[in-house]
C-alpha atoms as a PDB file:
ATOM      1  CA  MET A   1      82.611   9.523 146.811  1.00  0.00           C
ATOM      2  CA  SER A   2      81.314  11.614 143.978  1.00  0.00           C
ATOM      3  CA  THR A   3      83.587  13.546 141.823  1.00  0.00           C
ATOM      4  CA  LYS A   4      82.249  16.316 139.842  1.00  0.00           C
ATOM      5  CA  PRO A   5      84.150  17.144 136.665  1.00  0.00           C
ATOM      6  CA  THR A   6      85.907  20.429 136.936  1.00  0.00           C
ATOM      7  CA  PRO A   7      85.574  22.724 134.029  1.00  0.00           C
ATOM      8  CA  THR A   8      88.762  23.093 132.198  1.00  0.00           C
ATOM      9  CA  GLU A   9      90.352  26.440 131.474  1.00  0.00           C
ATOM     10  CA  SER A  10      89.438  26.190 127.605  1.00  0.00           C
ATOM     11  CA  ALA A  11      85.779  25.683 128.496  1.00  0.00           C
ATOM     12  CA  VAL A  12      85.679  28.964 130.472  1.00  0.00           C
ATOM     13  CA  PRO A  13      85.200  31.871 127.942  1.00  0.00           C
ATOM     14  CA  ALA A  14      87.562  34.705 127.964  1.00  0.00           C
ATOM     15  CA  PRO A  15      86.296  38.008 129.162  1.00  0.00           C
ATOM     16  CA  LEU A  16      85.537  40.542 126.323  1.00  0.00           C
ATOM     17  CA  PRO A  17      87.970  43.475 126.196  1.00  0.00           C
ATOM     18  CA  ARG A  18      86.559  46.828 127.525  1.00  0.00           C
ATOM     19  CA  ARG A  19      86.987  48.158 123.898  1.00  0.00           C
ATOM     20  CA  LEU A  20      84.443  45.641 122.476  1.00  0.00           C
ATOM     21  CA  THR A  21      82.065  46.145 125.386  1.00  0.00           C
ATOM     22  CA  ALA A  22      82.127  49.719 124.792  1.00  0.00           C
ATOM     23  CA  ALA A  23      81.446  49.255 121.186  1.00  0.00           C
ATOM     24  CA  ALA A  24      78.546  47.098 121.844  1.00  0.00           C
ATOM     25  CA  ALA A  25      77.249  49.612 124.396  1.00  0.00           C
ATOM     26  CA  LEU A  26      77.394  52.615 121.943  1.00  0.00           C
ATOM     27  CA  THR A  27      75.937  50.445 118.947  1.00  0.00           C
ATOM     28  CA  ALA A  28      73.091  49.440 121.257  1.00  0.00           C
ATOM     29  CA  LEU A  29      72.481  52.978 122.207  1.00  0.00           C
ATOM     30  CA  GLU A  30      72.272  54.038 118.644  1.00  0.00           C
ATOM     31  CA  GLY A  31      69.789  51.226 117.952  1.00  0.00           C
ATOM     32  CA  LEU A  32      67.673  52.045 120.901  1.00  0.00           C
ATOM     33  CA  ALA A  33      67.655  55.780 119.864  1.00  0.00           C
ATOM     34  CA  LEU A  34      66.493  54.586 116.402  1.00  0.00           C
ATOM     35  CA  ALA A  35      63.755  52.415 118.046  1.00  0.00           C
ATOM     36  CA  CYS A  36      62.523  55.266 120.050  1.00  0.00           C
ATOM     37  CA  LEU A  37      62.440  57.408 116.838  1.00  0.00           C
ATOM     38  CA  GLY A  38      60.537  54.817 114.886  1.00  0.00           C
ATOM     39  CA  ILE A  39      57.995  54.374 117.961  1.00  0.00           C
ATOM     40  CA  ARG A  40      57.398  58.190 118.040  1.00  0.00           C
ATOM     41  CA  MET A  41      56.939  58.334 114.333  1.00  0.00           C
ATOM     42  CA  LEU A  42      54.327  55.513 114.405  1.00  0.00           C
ATOM     43  CA  TYR A  43      52.660  57.227 117.373  1.00  0.00           C
ATOM     44  CA  VAL A  44      52.366  60.541 115.541  1.00  0.00           C
ATOM     45  CA  GLY A  45      50.948  58.714 112.448  1.00  0.00           C
ATOM     46  CA  ILE A  46      48.427  56.831 114.492  1.00  0.00           C
ATOM     47  CA  ALA A  47      47.371  59.638 116.643  1.00  0.00           C
ATOM     48  CA  GLY A  48      46.810  61.694 113.389  1.00  0.00           C
ATOM     49  CA  ALA A  49      49.065  64.578 114.607  1.00  0.00           C
ATOM     50  CA  HIS A  50      50.863  64.394 111.122  1.00  0.00           C
ATOM     51  CA  ASP A  51      49.410  65.666 107.901  1.00  0.00           C
ATOM     52  CA  SER A  52      50.104  62.241 106.259  1.00  0.00           C
ATOM     53  CA  ALA A  53      49.294  59.613 108.827  1.00  0.00           C
ATOM     54  CA  TRP A  54      50.088  56.961 106.231  1.00  0.00           C
ATOM     55  CA  GLN A  55      53.700  58.526 105.603  1.00  0.00           C
ATOM     56  CA  ALA A  56      54.283  58.786 109.349  1.00  0.00           C
ATOM     57  CA  GLU A  57      53.276  55.289 110.021  1.00  0.00           C
ATOM     58  CA  THR A  58      55.318  53.932 107.089  1.00  0.00           C
ATOM     59  CA  GLY A  59      58.418  55.851 108.101  1.00  0.00           C
ATOM     60  CA  GLY A  60      57.961  54.706 111.695  1.00  0.00           C
ATOM     61  CA  ILE A  61      57.890  51.052 110.687  1.00  0.00           C
ATOM     62  CA  THR A  62      60.916  51.642 108.379  1.00  0.00           C
ATOM     63  CA  VAL A  63      62.909  53.108 111.155  1.00  0.00           C
ATOM     64  CA  LEU A  64      62.050  50.414 113.427  1.00  0.00           C
ATOM     65  CA  VAL A  65      63.155  47.849 111.042  1.00  0.00           C
ATOM     66  CA  LEU A  66      66.395  49.766 110.447  1.00  0.00           C
ATOM     67  CA  ALA A  67      66.872  49.867 114.314  1.00  0.00           C
ATOM     68  CA  ALA A  68      67.177  46.107 114.373  1.00  0.00           C
ATOM     69  CA  LEU A  69      70.623  46.134 112.473  1.00  0.00           C
ATOM     70  CA  PRO A  70      72.413  47.950 115.224  1.00  0.00           C
ATOM     71  CA  LEU A  71      70.646  46.077 117.965  1.00  0.00           C
ATOM     72  CA  ILE A  72      71.474  42.767 116.504  1.00  0.00           C
ATOM     73  CA  ALA A  73      75.089  43.844 115.874  1.00  0.00           C
ATOM     74  CA  ALA A  74      75.464  45.082 119.502  1.00  0.00           C
ATOM     75  CA  ARG A  75      74.159  41.737 120.838  1.00  0.00           C
ATOM     76  CA  GLY A  76      76.724  39.928 118.692  1.00  0.00           C
ATOM     77  CA  LEU A  77      79.478  42.239 119.964  1.00  0.00           C
ATOM     78  CA  HIS A  78      78.534  41.759 123.402  1.00  0.00           C
ATOM     79  CA  LEU A  79      78.612  37.825 122.837  1.00  0.00           C
ATOM     80  CA  GLY A  80      82.061  38.192 121.002  1.00  0.00           C
ATOM     81  CA  ARG A  81      80.597  36.754 117.868  1.00  0.00           C
ATOM     82  CA  ARG A  82      82.799  37.408 114.898  1.00  0.00           C
ATOM     83  CA  TRP A  83      80.158  38.098 112.202  1.00  0.00           C
ATOM     84  CA  SER A  84      78.827  41.114 114.294  1.00  0.00           C
ATOM     85  CA  ARG A  85      81.711  43.371 113.437  1.00  0.00           C
ATOM     86  CA  GLY A  86      80.459  43.921 109.789  1.00  0.00           C
ATOM     87  CA  PRO A  87      76.943  44.925 110.586  1.00  0.00           C
ATOM     88  CA  ALA A  88      78.283  47.188 113.487  1.00  0.00           C
ATOM     89  CA  LEU A  89      80.772  48.954 111.087  1.00  0.00           C
ATOM     90  CA  ILE A  90      78.002  49.275 108.399  1.00  0.00           C
ATOM     91  CA  THR A  91      75.866  51.015 110.934  1.00  0.00           C
ATOM     92  CA  GLN A  92      78.390  53.478 111.847  1.00  0.00           C
ATOM     93  CA  LEU A  93      79.275  54.263 108.243  1.00  0.00           C
ATOM     94  CA  MET A  94      75.627  54.934 107.560  1.00  0.00           C
ATOM     95  CA  ALA A  95      75.539  57.074 110.704  1.00  0.00           C
ATOM     96  CA  LEU A  96      77.991  59.634 109.430  1.00  0.00           C
ATOM     97  CA  PRO A  97      75.874  61.005 106.493  1.00  0.00           C
ATOM     98  CA  VAL A  98      72.870  61.155 108.737  1.00  0.00           C
ATOM     99  CA  ALA A  99      75.123  63.304 111.225  1.00  0.00           C
ATOM    100  CA  TRP A 100      76.214  65.577 108.336  1.00  0.00           C
ATOM    101  CA  THR A 101      72.498  65.976 107.395  1.00  0.00           C
ATOM    102  CA  LEU A 102      71.577  66.816 110.916  1.00  0.00           C
ATOM    103  CA  TRP A 103      74.537  69.219 111.207  1.00  0.00           C
ATOM    104  CA  THR A 104      73.550  71.195 108.094  1.00  0.00           C
ATOM    105  CA  THR A 105      69.954  71.689 109.487  1.00  0.00           C
ATOM    106  CA  GLY A 106      71.514  73.640 112.386  1.00  0.00           C
ATOM    107  CA  GLY A 107      69.612  74.535 115.530  1.00  0.00           C
ATOM    108  CA  ALA A 108      69.097  71.923 118.120  1.00  0.00           C
ATOM    109  CA  MET A 109      69.904  69.239 115.597  1.00  0.00           C
ATOM    110  CA  ALA A 110      73.535  70.245 115.713  1.00  0.00           C
ATOM    111  CA  VAL A 111      73.884  68.601 119.177  1.00  0.00           C
ATOM    112  CA  ALA A 112      72.406  65.377 117.951  1.00  0.00           C
ATOM    113  CA  ALA A 113      74.758  65.567 114.934  1.00  0.00           C
ATOM    114  CA  VAL A 114      77.863  66.101 117.039  1.00  0.00           C
ATOM    115  CA  SER A 115      76.798  63.268 119.312  1.00  0.00           C
ATOM    116  CA  LEU A 116      76.004  60.835 116.478  1.00  0.00           C
ATOM    117  CA  ALA A 117      79.304  61.513 114.634  1.00  0.00           C
ATOM    118  CA  LEU A 118      81.259  61.095 117.912  1.00  0.00           C
ATOM    119  CA  ALA A 119      79.612  57.818 118.635  1.00  0.00           C
ATOM    120  CA  ALA A 120      80.108  56.612 115.023  1.00  0.00           C
ATOM    121  CA  VAL A 121      83.771  57.407 114.986  1.00  0.00           C
ATOM    122  CA  ALA A 122      84.270  56.104 118.463  1.00  0.00           C
ATOM    123  CA  VAL A 123      82.681  52.693 117.566  1.00  0.00           C
ATOM    124  CA  VAL A 124      84.866  52.490 114.308  1.00  0.00           C
ATOM    125  CA  ALA A 125      88.006  53.279 116.232  1.00  0.00           C
ATOM    126  CA  LEU A 126      86.929  50.630 118.980  1.00  0.00           C
ATOM    127  CA  LEU A 127      86.223  47.734 116.405  1.00  0.00           C
ATOM    128  CA  VAL A 128      89.349  48.226 114.301  1.00  0.00           C
ATOM    129  CA  ASN A 129      91.608  48.204 117.418  1.00  0.00           C
ATOM    130  CA  PRO A 130      93.761  44.984 117.486  1.00  0.00           C
ATOM    131  CA  THR A 131      92.494  44.181 120.980  1.00  0.00           C
ATOM    132  CA  ALA A 132      88.796  43.894 119.583  1.00  0.00           C
ATOM    133  CA  THR A 133      89.706  42.230 116.442  1.00  0.00           C
ATOM    134  CA  GLN A 134      91.755  39.353 118.302  1.00  0.00           C
ATOM    135  CA  ALA A 135      88.811  38.956 120.736  1.00  0.00           C
ATOM    136  CA  LEU A 136      86.513  38.579 117.616  1.00  0.00           C
ATOM    137  CA  GLY A 137      88.928  36.180 116.311  1.00  0.00           C
ATOM    138  CA  ILE A 138      89.846  38.425 113.300  1.00  0.00           C
ATOM    139  CA  GLY A 139      93.479  39.220 112.566  1.00  0.00           C
ATOM    140  CA  PRO A 140      96.854  38.099 111.339  1.00  0.00           C
ATOM    141  CA  ALA A 141      96.585  34.729 113.156  1.00  0.00           C
ATOM    142  CA  GLU A 142      93.218  33.952 111.381  1.00  0.00           C
ATOM    143  CA  GLN A 143      94.563  34.971 108.077  1.00  0.00           C
ATOM    144  CA  ALA A 144      97.511  32.617 108.290  1.00  0.00           C
ATOM    145  CA  ARG A 145      95.001  29.665 108.456  1.00  0.00           C
END
């Protein structure tokens, strides 16, 4: 009779709180939006639809590199990694001045500005929530060690 070892309760990871999952999803969405913008800028530069193809291509590559930060942070949040909170918060703090700049241009950019600002504030609120900080191993219990 063969007995298989049963997984102990400590071996099964606890499910992530919904707040942390929502923060990961919003951060990933921001990263994907940046990646799409970078790809579009690269395409415009390569297709020659811009006055300065070199400038459009360089901008596209820069935006693609910048898109890596929120995407990596979102992956870390989704996996419940403690280190991911810092990059996710930094991404949101960088998004707020961008939202303000979009707002001051007016027109159709106002919708993008409001969307970006709301997402950034929501992610910050979700990540500083005690439920999320405890799930990431950050909080009073960790400070006592």
